[in-house]
Protein backbone atom coordinates (compact mmCIF):
# COMPACT_ATOMS: atom_id res chain seq x y z
CA UNK A 1 -5.08 19.86 4.68
CA UNK A 2 -7.67 22.55 4.07
CA UNK A 3 -5.02 25.12 3.24
CA UNK A 4 -3.22 22.73 0.93
CA UNK A 5 -6.39 21.73 -0.92
CA UNK A 6 -7.14 25.41 -1.50
CA UNK A 7 -3.78 25.73 -3.21
CA UNK A 8 -4.40 22.62 -5.32
CA UNK A 9 -7.81 23.89 -6.45
CA UNK A 10 -6.41 27.35 -7.24
CA UNK A 11 -3.83 25.71 -9.50
CA UNK A 12 -6.13 23.19 -11.21
CA UNK A 13 -6.24 23.22 -14.99
CA UNK A 14 -8.73 20.64 -16.23
CA UNK A 15 -9.12 20.28 -20.02
CA UNK A 16 -12.70 20.66 -21.28
CA UNK A 17 -13.00 17.01 -22.30
CA UNK A 18 -12.02 15.89 -18.77
CA UNK A 19 -14.70 17.82 -16.90
CA UNK A 20 -16.42 14.80 -15.38
CA UNK A 21 -19.42 15.09 -13.09
CA UNK A 22 -19.39 12.71 -10.14
CA UNK A 23 -22.38 10.56 -9.21
CA UNK A 24 -23.23 7.48 -7.15
CA UNK A 25 -26.45 6.81 -9.05
CA UNK A 26 -25.95 3.75 -11.24
CA UNK A 27 -27.08 5.04 -14.63
CA UNK A 28 -25.23 8.32 -14.17
CA UNK A 29 -22.08 6.52 -13.04
CA UNK A 30 -21.99 4.40 -16.16
CA UNK A 31 -22.82 7.28 -18.46
CA UNK A 32 -20.38 9.76 -16.92
CA UNK A 33 -17.24 8.67 -15.09
CA UNK A 34 -17.73 4.93 -15.65
CA UNK A 35 -16.94 5.34 -19.34
CA UNK A 36 -14.29 8.04 -19.23
CA UNK A 37 -10.59 7.36 -19.27
CA UNK A 38 -10.15 10.43 -17.08
CA UNK A 39 -11.96 8.62 -14.26
CA UNK A 40 -10.77 5.09 -14.97
CA UNK A 41 -7.10 6.08 -15.08
CA UNK A 42 -7.26 8.28 -11.96
CA UNK A 43 -6.23 5.60 -9.45
CA UNK A 44 -2.60 6.67 -9.46
CA UNK A 45 -3.16 10.38 -10.15
CA UNK A 46 -4.63 13.56 -8.63
CA UNK A 47 -7.73 14.45 -10.66
CA UNK A 48 -10.81 16.63 -10.29
CA UNK A 49 -14.47 15.60 -10.39
CA UNK A 50 -17.31 18.07 -10.40
CA UNK A 51 -20.84 18.60 -9.15
CA UNK A 52 -23.79 18.24 -11.50
CA UNK A 53 -24.97 21.40 -13.21
CA UNK A 54 -21.77 23.44 -12.87
CA UNK A 55 -20.93 23.42 -16.62
CA UNK A 56 -22.69 24.81 -19.66
CA UNK A 57 -23.06 22.72 -22.82
CA UNK A 58 -19.57 23.73 -23.93
CA UNK A 59 -17.98 22.65 -20.64
CA UNK A 60 -17.44 26.16 -19.30
CA UNK A 61 -17.95 26.84 -15.60
CA UNK A 62 -21.30 28.28 -14.55
CA UNK A 63 -20.07 28.85 -10.99
CA UNK A 64 -16.65 29.82 -9.60
CA UNK A 65 -14.32 26.85 -10.19
CA UNK A 66 -13.50 26.51 -6.47
CA UNK A 67 -17.24 26.05 -5.79
CA UNK A 68 -17.68 23.45 -8.52
CA UNK A 69 -15.50 20.57 -7.33
CA UNK A 70 -17.22 17.50 -5.88
CA UNK A 71 -14.03 15.62 -5.03
CA UNK A 72 -10.35 15.21 -5.83
CA UNK A 73 -9.00 11.67 -6.22
CA UNK A 74 -7.64 9.14 -6.10
CA UNK A 75 -3.97 9.34 -5.12
CA UNK A 76 -3.47 12.42 -2.97
CA UNK A 77 -1.89 10.08 -0.43
CA UNK A 78 0.89 9.27 -2.86
CA UNK A 79 1.54 12.55 -4.65
CA UNK A 80 1.04 15.32 -2.12
CA UNK A 81 3.34 15.62 0.92
CA UNK A 82 0.62 17.03 3.20
CA UNK A 83 -1.84 14.24 2.50
CA UNK A 84 0.88 11.59 2.56
CA UNK A 85 1.94 12.75 6.02
CA UNK A 86 -1.63 12.60 7.34
CA UNK A 87 -2.36 9.21 5.76
CA UNK A 88 0.79 7.65 7.22
CA UNK A 89 0.78 9.66 10.46
CA UNK A 90 1.72 7.94 13.71
CA UNK A 91 -1.82 8.47 15.01
CA UNK A 92 -3.36 6.69 12.00
CA UNK A 93 -0.79 3.90 12.14
CA UNK A 94 -1.39 3.37 15.87
CA UNK A 95 -5.16 3.29 15.36
CA UNK A 96 -4.94 0.73 12.58
CA UNK A 97 -2.48 -1.42 14.53
CA UNK A 98 -4.92 -1.42 17.46
CA UNK A 99 -7.58 -2.74 15.09
CA UNK A 100 -5.31 -5.69 14.36
CA UNK A 101 -4.44 -4.99 10.73
CA UNK A 102 -1.12 -6.64 9.97
CA UNK A 103 -0.28 -5.51 6.45
CA UNK A 104 -2.61 -2.64 5.49
CA UNK A 105 -2.02 -0.96 2.13
CA UNK A 106 -3.53 2.30 0.90
CA UNK A 107 -5.71 1.72 -2.18
CA UNK A 108 -7.16 5.19 -2.75
CA UNK A 109 -7.73 8.62 -1.23
CA UNK A 110 -10.22 11.41 -1.86
CA UNK A 111 -10.85 14.96 -0.72
CA UNK A 112 -14.62 15.55 -0.69
CA UNK A 113 -16.04 19.09 -0.72
CA UNK A 114 -19.83 18.77 -0.27
CA UNK A 115 -20.26 22.30 -1.56
CA UNK A 116 -22.83 24.63 0.07
CA UNK A 117 -26.26 24.81 -1.58
CA UNK A 118 -25.70 22.03 -4.13
CA UNK A 119 -23.23 19.48 -2.75
CA UNK A 120 -24.61 16.27 -4.24
CA UNK A 121 -26.47 13.48 -2.46
CA UNK A 122 -24.51 10.25 -2.08
CA UNK A 123 -26.92 7.36 -2.48
CA UNK A 124 -26.89 4.32 -0.16
CA UNK A 125 -23.98 2.05 -1.01
CA UNK A 126 -21.24 -0.23 0.30
CA UNK A 127 -17.63 0.70 -0.40
CA UNK A 128 -17.02 -2.94 -1.31
CA UNK A 129 -19.19 -2.37 -4.39
CA UNK A 130 -16.22 -0.51 -5.85
CA UNK A 131 -13.34 -1.94 -3.77
CA UNK A 132 -13.95 -5.68 -3.67
CA UNK A 133 -11.69 -8.30 -2.12
CA UNK A 134 -11.65 -12.06 -1.66
CA UNK A 135 -12.41 -12.87 1.04
CA UNK A 136 -14.78 -9.93 1.53
CA UNK A 137 -14.47 -7.64 4.52
CA UNK A 138 -10.82 -6.69 4.06
CA UNK A 139 -11.42 -3.01 3.19
CA UNK A 140 -11.58 -0.19 5.74
CA UNK A 141 -12.41 3.47 5.10
CA UNK A 142 -10.83 6.22 7.20
CA UNK A 143 -12.93 9.40 7.00
CA UNK A 144 -11.62 12.62 8.59
CA UNK A 145 -13.88 15.64 9.03
CA UNK A 146 -12.09 18.75 7.81
CA UNK A 147 -15.16 20.78 8.78
CA UNK A 148 -18.08 20.03 11.10
CA UNK A 149 -20.37 17.45 9.48
CA UNK A 150 -23.93 18.22 10.59
CA UNK A 151 -27.48 17.17 9.79
CA UNK A 152 -27.83 20.39 7.81
CA UNK A 153 -24.74 20.11 5.60
CA UNK A 154 -24.80 16.41 4.74
CA UNK A 155 -23.22 14.27 7.46
CA UNK A 156 -22.86 10.52 6.97
CA UNK A 157 -25.76 8.16 7.72
CA UNK A 158 -25.32 4.42 8.42
CA UNK A 159 -27.48 1.33 8.81
CA UNK A 160 -26.24 -0.23 12.08
CA UNK A 161 -25.27 -3.88 11.68
CA UNK A 162 -25.29 -3.78 7.88
CA UNK A 163 -21.56 -4.57 7.78
CA UNK A 164 -22.59 -8.20 8.26
CA UNK A 165 -24.58 -8.22 5.00
CA UNK A 166 -23.22 -9.59 1.75
CA UNK A 167 -21.90 -7.36 -1.02
CA UNK A 168 -25.07 -6.79 -3.01
CA UNK A 169 -23.66 -4.96 -6.02
CA UNK A 170 -20.27 -4.81 -7.71
CA UNK A 171 -18.84 -2.36 -10.22
CA UNK A 172 -16.92 -4.40 -12.79
CA UNK A 173 -14.30 -3.04 -15.16
CA UNK A 174 -14.48 -4.43 -18.69
CA UNK A 175 -11.38 -5.62 -20.57
CA UNK A 176 -9.30 -2.81 -22.06
CA UNK A 177 -10.89 -1.30 -25.16
CA UNK A 178 -14.37 -2.63 -24.41
CA UNK A 179 -17.45 -0.45 -24.18
CA UNK A 180 -19.13 0.12 -21.88
CA UNK A 181 -15.95 0.31 -19.83
CA UNK A 182 -17.75 -0.60 -16.59
CA UNK A 183 -20.93 -2.39 -15.60
CA UNK A 184 -22.68 -3.49 -12.43
CA UNK A 185 -23.28 -7.02 -11.19
CA UNK A 186 -26.25 -7.34 -8.87
CA UNK A 187 -28.36 -4.43 -7.69
CA UNK A 188 -28.64 -2.17 -4.68
CA UNK A 189 -31.52 -3.26 -2.42
CA UNK A 190 -34.29 -0.78 -1.70
CA UNK A 191 -32.94 0.11 1.73
CA UNK A 192 -35.52 1.25 4.27
CA UNK A 193 -34.82 4.91 4.92
CA UNK A 194 -35.93 4.48 8.53
CA UNK A 195 -32.98 2.16 9.20
CA UNK A 196 -30.38 4.90 8.69
CA UNK A 197 -28.86 6.65 11.70
CA UNK A 198 -27.08 10.01 11.26
CA UNK A 199 -23.51 10.47 12.46
CA UNK A 200 -22.73 14.16 12.95
CA UNK A 201 -19.05 14.67 13.72
CA UNK A 202 -17.01 17.72 14.59
CA UNK A 203 -14.06 19.09 12.65
CA UNK A 204 -11.06 16.85 13.31
CA UNK A 205 -13.20 13.81 14.11
CA UNK A 206 -12.48 10.47 12.46
CA UNK A 207 -14.98 7.84 11.30
CA UNK A 208 -14.01 4.25 10.48
CA UNK A 209 -16.13 2.72 7.71
CA UNK A 210 -16.31 -1.05 7.25
CA UNK A 211 -16.23 -1.94 3.56
CA UNK A 212 -19.64 -3.61 3.73
CA UNK A 213 -21.56 -1.17 5.94
CA UNK A 214 -24.39 0.60 4.08
CA UNK A 215 -24.06 4.37 4.24
CA UNK A 216 -25.16 7.54 2.49
CA UNK A 217 -25.22 11.32 2.81
CA UNK A 218 -27.89 13.84 1.91
CA UNK A 219 -27.56 16.79 -0.44
CA UNK A 220 -26.03 19.85 1.20
CA UNK A 221 -28.56 22.66 0.99
CA UNK A 222 -26.99 24.68 3.81
CA UNK A 223 -24.69 27.69 3.63
CA UNK A 224 -21.69 25.67 4.86
CA UNK A 225 -19.51 23.15 3.05
CA UNK A 226 -18.73 19.76 4.61
CA UNK A 227 -15.18 19.02 3.59
CA UNK A 228 -13.59 15.67 4.41
CA UNK A 229 -10.47 13.69 3.60
CA UNK A 230 -10.97 9.97 3.26
CA UNK A 231 -8.78 7.05 2.28
CA UNK A 232 -9.28 3.30 2.04
CA UNK A 233 -7.06 0.55 3.36
CA UNK A 234 -6.94 -3.11 2.43
CA UNK A 235 -5.62 -5.77 4.80
CA UNK A 236 -3.16 -7.43 2.43
CA UNK A 237 -2.14 -10.20 4.83
CA UNK A 238 -3.55 -13.73 5.04
CA UNK A 239 -4.08 -14.30 1.34
CA UNK A 240 -6.27 -11.31 0.55
CA UNK A 241 -6.89 -10.94 -3.20
CA UNK A 242 -7.75 -7.54 -4.66
CA UNK A 243 -10.32 -8.27 -7.36
CA UNK A 244 -8.85 -7.90 -10.85
CA UNK A 245 -12.35 -6.77 -11.89
CA UNK A 246 -12.28 -3.64 -9.69
CA UNK A 247 -12.22 -0.36 -11.61
CA UNK A 248 -9.24 0.73 -9.51
CA UNK A 249 -6.04 -1.25 -9.96
CA UNK A 250 -2.48 -0.80 -8.69
CA UNK A 251 -0.08 0.28 -11.40
CA UNK A 252 3.61 -0.08 -12.07
CA UNK A 253 3.97 3.61 -11.24
CA UNK A 254 1.95 3.28 -8.03
CA UNK A 255 1.63 -0.11 -6.36
CA UNK A 256 -0.61 0.11 -3.28
CA UNK A 257 1.78 1.57 -0.66
CA UNK A 258 2.03 -0.06 2.79
CA UNK A 259 0.50 2.07 5.55
CA UNK A 260 3.24 1.16 8.03
CA UNK A 261 6.34 3.01 6.87
């Protein structure tokens, strides 16, 4: 995966008007990717999102392009053979079957770079804020460490037991042609920082993330990147409804593919 992503980054050609900085802070989300077609139409494509402060006012790179990328999303699992083979690998399928998922489908995938020295902080959130289902609790994140994730380079932190809490905030997509294109319902609670527990994991380790568990990661100020490949599954059995208000929607070109193939 790491070799393949290097090739993808080396070949990337992102038009100036598509150079979107990625953020999990609410006002920045709405101002940046939340109102850009480049982000909102990325659910069935392979697109590039960048760290803050890597462009000048004209959109030119201030750092080497390969050091500027925050993440690549959101359909590597569908369009790249390497990432498709990992996503649908026998090991992943066996793991998910053991968890009891009957009809899991892949809703999105991302390669996250967490660049050395300025890899951005990811603020406390629930994945269900962005990937909401009825009933809730039908989304599962699969997070694979491509490199060691340490306290120094921005490993994941979780609030134990928070997967039992309600979905406190939802990102809602407006009808086509409306502005702003997205908005938030509800608000993120002021989570007590002392409740978070770090989860360092070695290269090759896998973390399962319940859609409602509260998690975050700190800014990477170390000399080492913290690359990861992550994808999200939805249990599509038993009447699960993918919210039509989610920013990410299946398309005619890419319906959510079944995991078990």
